[in-house]
Amino acid sequence: MSKPAVNAMVFQDGKGYLCAVRVDFCDEAKAAEIAKENLIAVNVKRTNEYKYHGFGKAIGDDSYENTWWLTEDLNTKSIPVYVFREDFDA
C-alpha cells in the first residue's frame, strides 16, 4: 500500500517557519489557507525566496529517509511550490 501524496510541508530557515504547498495541488488562494492552518497563523504572505521543493533520500547515521527540502533551483527532482511565511505586519 502506498502512502498518500504530501501536498504541503512546514520548513524552518534562519528567518522562521515557512509552509510550502505544491502548485499542482491547488491555486494560490487555497495554498494560503493551507499555510495558515499549517503555520497556525492568522495572516500569511507569499515569499519568493524559494520556488521549488526537492525530494529524495537524506542520508545520516547509517540510515536514510525520504524527505523534502526547499530550493531556488529547478532540476529533475524539483516541484514548483507556493511558499508562505507568517505575516506579522498585517
N, C-alpha and C. Protein backbone atom coordinates (compact mmCIF):
# COMPACT_ATOMS: atom_id res chain seq x y z
N MET A 1 0.84 -1.17 0.00
CA MET A 1 0.00 0.00 0.00
C MET A 1 0.89 1.23 0.00
N SER A 2 0.64 2.16 -0.91
CA SER A 2 1.48 3.36 -0.99
C SER A 2 0.96 4.44 -0.05
N LYS A 3 1.86 5.32 0.31
CA LYS A 3 1.50 6.44 1.19
C LYS A 3 0.78 7.51 0.37
N PRO A 4 -0.09 8.30 1.01
CA PRO A 4 -0.73 9.40 0.28
C PRO A 4 0.31 10.46 -0.09
N ALA A 5 0.03 11.20 -1.14
CA ALA A 5 0.94 12.25 -1.59
C ALA A 5 1.04 13.35 -0.53
N VAL A 6 2.22 13.90 -0.38
CA VAL A 6 2.42 15.03 0.51
C VAL A 6 2.26 16.29 -0.33
N ASN A 7 1.26 17.10 -0.01
CA ASN A 7 0.98 18.29 -0.80
C ASN A 7 1.43 19.58 -0.13
N ALA A 8 1.72 19.53 1.17
CA ALA A 8 2.18 20.71 1.90
C ALA A 8 3.10 20.25 3.02
N MET A 9 4.08 21.11 3.34
CA MET A 9 5.01 20.78 4.41
C MET A 9 5.55 22.06 5.02
N VAL A 10 5.81 22.01 6.33
CA VAL A 10 6.39 23.14 7.05
C VAL A 10 7.90 22.96 7.14
N PHE A 11 8.61 24.06 6.92
CA PHE A 11 10.07 24.08 6.98
C PHE A 11 10.49 25.19 7.92
N GLN A 12 11.76 25.17 8.32
CA GLN A 12 12.32 26.25 9.11
C GLN A 12 13.63 26.68 8.48
N ASP A 13 13.84 28.00 8.40
CA ASP A 13 15.12 28.52 7.97
C ASP A 13 15.57 29.56 8.99
N GLY A 14 16.57 30.33 8.68
CA GLY A 14 17.11 31.31 9.61
C GLY A 14 16.15 32.43 9.97
N LYS A 15 15.11 32.62 9.18
CA LYS A 15 14.14 33.69 9.42
C LYS A 15 12.88 33.21 10.13
N GLY A 16 12.69 31.90 10.24
CA GLY A 16 11.49 31.38 10.89
C GLY A 16 10.90 30.21 10.13
N TYR A 17 9.59 30.03 10.31
CA TYR A 17 8.90 28.91 9.70
C TYR A 17 8.25 29.30 8.39
N LEU A 18 8.20 28.35 7.47
CA LEU A 18 7.59 28.52 6.17
C LEU A 18 6.68 27.34 5.89
N CYS A 19 5.71 27.55 5.05
CA CYS A 19 4.88 26.44 4.59
C CYS A 19 4.91 26.42 3.07
N ALA A 20 5.26 25.29 2.50
CA ALA A 20 5.30 25.11 1.06
C ALA A 20 4.13 24.23 0.65
N VAL A 21 3.43 24.65 -0.41
CA VAL A 21 2.28 23.91 -0.94
C VAL A 21 2.52 23.70 -2.43
N ARG A 22 2.35 22.49 -2.88
CA ARG A 22 2.58 22.16 -4.29
C ARG A 22 1.65 22.96 -5.20
N VAL A 23 2.22 23.58 -6.24
CA VAL A 23 1.45 24.36 -7.20
C VAL A 23 0.45 23.48 -7.94
N ASP A 24 0.80 22.24 -8.21
CA ASP A 24 -0.10 21.36 -8.95
C ASP A 24 -1.22 20.79 -8.08
N PHE A 25 -1.24 21.13 -6.80
CA PHE A 25 -2.27 20.66 -5.89
C PHE A 25 -3.46 21.62 -5.81
N CYS A 26 -3.18 22.93 -5.85
CA CYS A 26 -4.26 23.91 -5.71
C CYS A 26 -3.80 25.28 -6.20
N ASP A 27 -4.73 26.25 -6.19
CA ASP A 27 -4.36 27.60 -6.59
C ASP A 27 -3.75 28.35 -5.41
N GLU A 28 -3.27 29.57 -5.66
CA GLU A 28 -2.56 30.32 -4.62
C GLU A 28 -3.45 30.67 -3.43
N ALA A 29 -4.71 31.00 -3.66
CA ALA A 29 -5.62 31.35 -2.56
C ALA A 29 -5.83 30.16 -1.62
N LYS A 30 -6.06 28.99 -2.18
CA LYS A 30 -6.22 27.78 -1.36
C LYS A 30 -4.91 27.45 -0.66
N ALA A 31 -3.78 27.64 -1.34
CA ALA A 31 -2.47 27.38 -0.73
C ALA A 31 -2.25 28.29 0.48
N ALA A 32 -2.69 29.55 0.39
CA ALA A 32 -2.57 30.47 1.53
C ALA A 32 -3.38 29.97 2.71
N GLU A 33 -4.57 29.43 2.47
CA GLU A 33 -5.40 28.88 3.55
C GLU A 33 -4.73 27.66 4.18
N ILE A 34 -4.14 26.82 3.36
CA ILE A 34 -3.42 25.65 3.87
C ILE A 34 -2.23 26.10 4.71
N ALA A 35 -1.52 27.13 4.25
CA ALA A 35 -0.37 27.65 5.00
C ALA A 35 -0.82 28.21 6.35
N LYS A 36 -1.93 28.93 6.39
CA LYS A 36 -2.45 29.45 7.66
C LYS A 36 -2.72 28.32 8.64
N GLU A 37 -3.32 27.25 8.16
CA GLU A 37 -3.61 26.09 9.02
C GLU A 37 -2.31 25.45 9.52
N ASN A 38 -1.37 25.24 8.62
CA ASN A 38 -0.13 24.55 8.98
C ASN A 38 0.79 25.39 9.86
N LEU A 39 0.78 26.71 9.66
CA LEU A 39 1.63 27.59 10.45
C LEU A 39 0.91 28.10 11.71
N ILE A 40 -0.36 27.75 11.84
CA ILE A 40 -1.21 28.23 12.93
C ILE A 40 -1.09 29.75 13.00
N ALA A 41 -1.41 30.39 11.87
CA ALA A 41 -1.25 31.83 11.72
C ALA A 41 -2.55 32.46 11.22
N VAL A 42 -2.78 33.68 11.64
CA VAL A 42 -3.95 34.43 11.19
C VAL A 42 -3.71 34.97 9.78
N ASN A 43 -2.50 35.48 9.53
CA ASN A 43 -2.15 36.04 8.23
C ASN A 43 -0.83 35.45 7.75
N VAL A 44 -0.75 35.22 6.45
CA VAL A 44 0.49 34.75 5.83
C VAL A 44 0.78 35.61 4.61
N LYS A 45 2.04 35.62 4.22
CA LYS A 45 2.42 36.30 2.98
C LYS A 45 3.33 35.38 2.17
N ARG A 46 3.17 35.46 0.88
CA ARG A 46 3.97 34.62 0.00
C ARG A 46 5.38 35.18 -0.09
N THR A 47 6.35 34.30 -0.10
CA THR A 47 7.74 34.69 -0.27
C THR A 47 8.28 34.09 -1.55
N ASN A 48 9.17 34.80 -2.20
CA ASN A 48 9.80 34.29 -3.43
C ASN A 48 11.22 33.82 -3.19
N GLU A 49 11.59 33.62 -1.92
CA GLU A 49 12.93 33.14 -1.60
C GLU A 49 13.16 31.72 -2.12
N TYR A 50 12.10 30.94 -2.13
CA TYR A 50 12.16 29.55 -2.59
C TYR A 50 11.05 29.36 -3.61
N LYS A 51 11.34 28.60 -4.66
CA LYS A 51 10.35 28.40 -5.71
C LYS A 51 10.00 26.94 -5.94
N TYR A 52 10.86 26.04 -5.43
CA TYR A 52 10.68 24.62 -5.68
C TYR A 52 10.94 23.84 -4.40
N HIS A 53 10.39 22.65 -4.37
CA HIS A 53 10.85 21.74 -3.34
C HIS A 53 11.47 20.56 -4.05
N GLY A 54 12.54 20.09 -3.47
CA GLY A 54 13.19 18.89 -3.97
C GLY A 54 12.77 17.74 -3.08
N PHE A 55 12.98 16.55 -3.55
CA PHE A 55 12.66 15.39 -2.74
C PHE A 55 13.63 14.27 -3.06
N GLY A 56 13.82 13.42 -2.10
CA GLY A 56 14.75 12.32 -2.29
C GLY A 56 15.19 11.77 -0.97
N LYS A 57 16.33 11.16 -0.97
CA LYS A 57 16.83 10.50 0.24
C LYS A 57 17.87 11.37 0.94
N ALA A 58 17.68 11.52 2.23
CA ALA A 58 18.67 12.19 3.07
C ALA A 58 19.39 11.10 3.85
N ILE A 59 20.69 11.14 3.82
CA ILE A 59 21.48 10.08 4.45
C ILE A 59 22.12 10.60 5.72
N GLY A 60 22.07 9.79 6.76
CA GLY A 60 22.71 10.16 8.02
C GLY A 60 22.68 9.01 9.00
N ASP A 61 23.72 8.87 9.79
CA ASP A 61 23.79 7.86 10.84
C ASP A 61 23.43 6.46 10.37
N ASP A 62 24.02 6.04 9.27
CA ASP A 62 23.81 4.69 8.73
C ASP A 62 22.37 4.39 8.32
N SER A 63 21.60 5.42 8.05
CA SER A 63 20.22 5.21 7.60
C SER A 63 19.86 6.31 6.61
N TYR A 64 18.70 6.20 6.01
CA TYR A 64 18.24 7.24 5.11
C TYR A 64 16.72 7.35 5.24
N GLU A 65 16.21 8.50 4.82
CA GLU A 65 14.77 8.71 4.81
C GLU A 65 14.41 9.52 3.58
N ASN A 66 13.21 9.33 3.08
CA ASN A 66 12.72 10.17 2.01
C ASN A 66 12.28 11.48 2.63
N THR A 67 12.65 12.58 2.00
CA THR A 67 12.38 13.87 2.59
C THR A 67 12.21 14.94 1.53
N TRP A 68 11.74 16.10 1.95
CA TRP A 68 11.60 17.29 1.12
C TRP A 68 12.63 18.31 1.56
N TRP A 69 12.99 19.22 0.66
CA TRP A 69 13.76 20.40 1.03
C TRP A 69 13.35 21.51 0.08
N LEU A 70 13.58 22.76 0.48
CA LEU A 70 13.26 23.91 -0.36
C LEU A 70 14.49 24.34 -1.13
N THR A 71 14.27 24.83 -2.34
CA THR A 71 15.38 25.24 -3.19
C THR A 71 14.92 26.35 -4.13
N GLU A 72 15.87 27.07 -4.67
CA GLU A 72 15.59 28.08 -5.69
C GLU A 72 15.79 27.51 -7.09
N ASP A 73 16.38 26.33 -7.17
CA ASP A 73 16.80 25.77 -8.45
C ASP A 73 15.86 24.69 -8.94
N LEU A 74 15.62 24.69 -10.23
CA LEU A 74 14.83 23.66 -10.88
C LEU A 74 15.76 22.56 -11.35
N ASN A 75 15.43 21.31 -11.00
CA ASN A 75 16.18 20.16 -11.51
C ASN A 75 15.20 19.02 -11.71
N THR A 76 15.70 17.84 -11.99
CA THR A 76 14.82 16.71 -12.32
C THR A 76 13.97 16.25 -11.14
N LYS A 77 14.33 16.61 -9.92
CA LYS A 77 13.55 16.21 -8.75
C LYS A 77 12.93 17.41 -8.05
N SER A 78 12.67 18.47 -8.79
CA SER A 78 12.06 19.67 -8.22
C SER A 78 10.61 19.79 -8.64
N ILE A 79 9.80 20.31 -7.73
CA ILE A 79 8.38 20.55 -8.00
C ILE A 79 8.08 21.99 -7.59
N PRO A 80 7.41 22.78 -8.45
CA PRO A 80 7.07 24.15 -8.09
C PRO A 80 6.14 24.19 -6.87
N VAL A 81 6.39 25.16 -5.99
CA VAL A 81 5.58 25.33 -4.78
C VAL A 81 5.28 26.80 -4.53
N TYR A 82 4.16 27.04 -3.85
CA TYR A 82 3.89 28.34 -3.24
C TYR A 82 4.51 28.25 -1.85
N VAL A 83 5.25 29.28 -1.43
CA VAL A 83 5.87 29.27 -0.11
C VAL A 83 5.40 30.51 0.65
N PHE A 84 4.93 30.28 1.87
CA PHE A 84 4.39 31.35 2.71
C PHE A 84 5.10 31.40 4.05
N ARG A 85 5.17 32.63 4.60
CA ARG A 85 5.60 32.88 5.96
C ARG A 85 4.45 33.55 6.69
N GLU A 86 4.48 33.47 8.02
CA GLU A 86 3.50 34.21 8.79
C GLU A 86 3.75 35.70 8.58
N ASP A 87 2.66 36.46 8.42
CA ASP A 87 2.74 37.90 8.20
C ASP A 87 2.42 38.61 9.52
N PHE A 88 3.45 39.05 10.21
CA PHE A 88 3.27 39.71 11.49
C PHE A 88 2.87 41.17 11.34
N ASP A 89 3.02 41.73 10.14
CA ASP A 89 2.72 43.14 9.91
C ASP A 89 1.30 43.40 9.44
N ALA A 90 0.53 42.37 9.20
CA ALA A 90 -0.83 42.54 8.67
C ALA A 90 -1.79 43.04 9.73
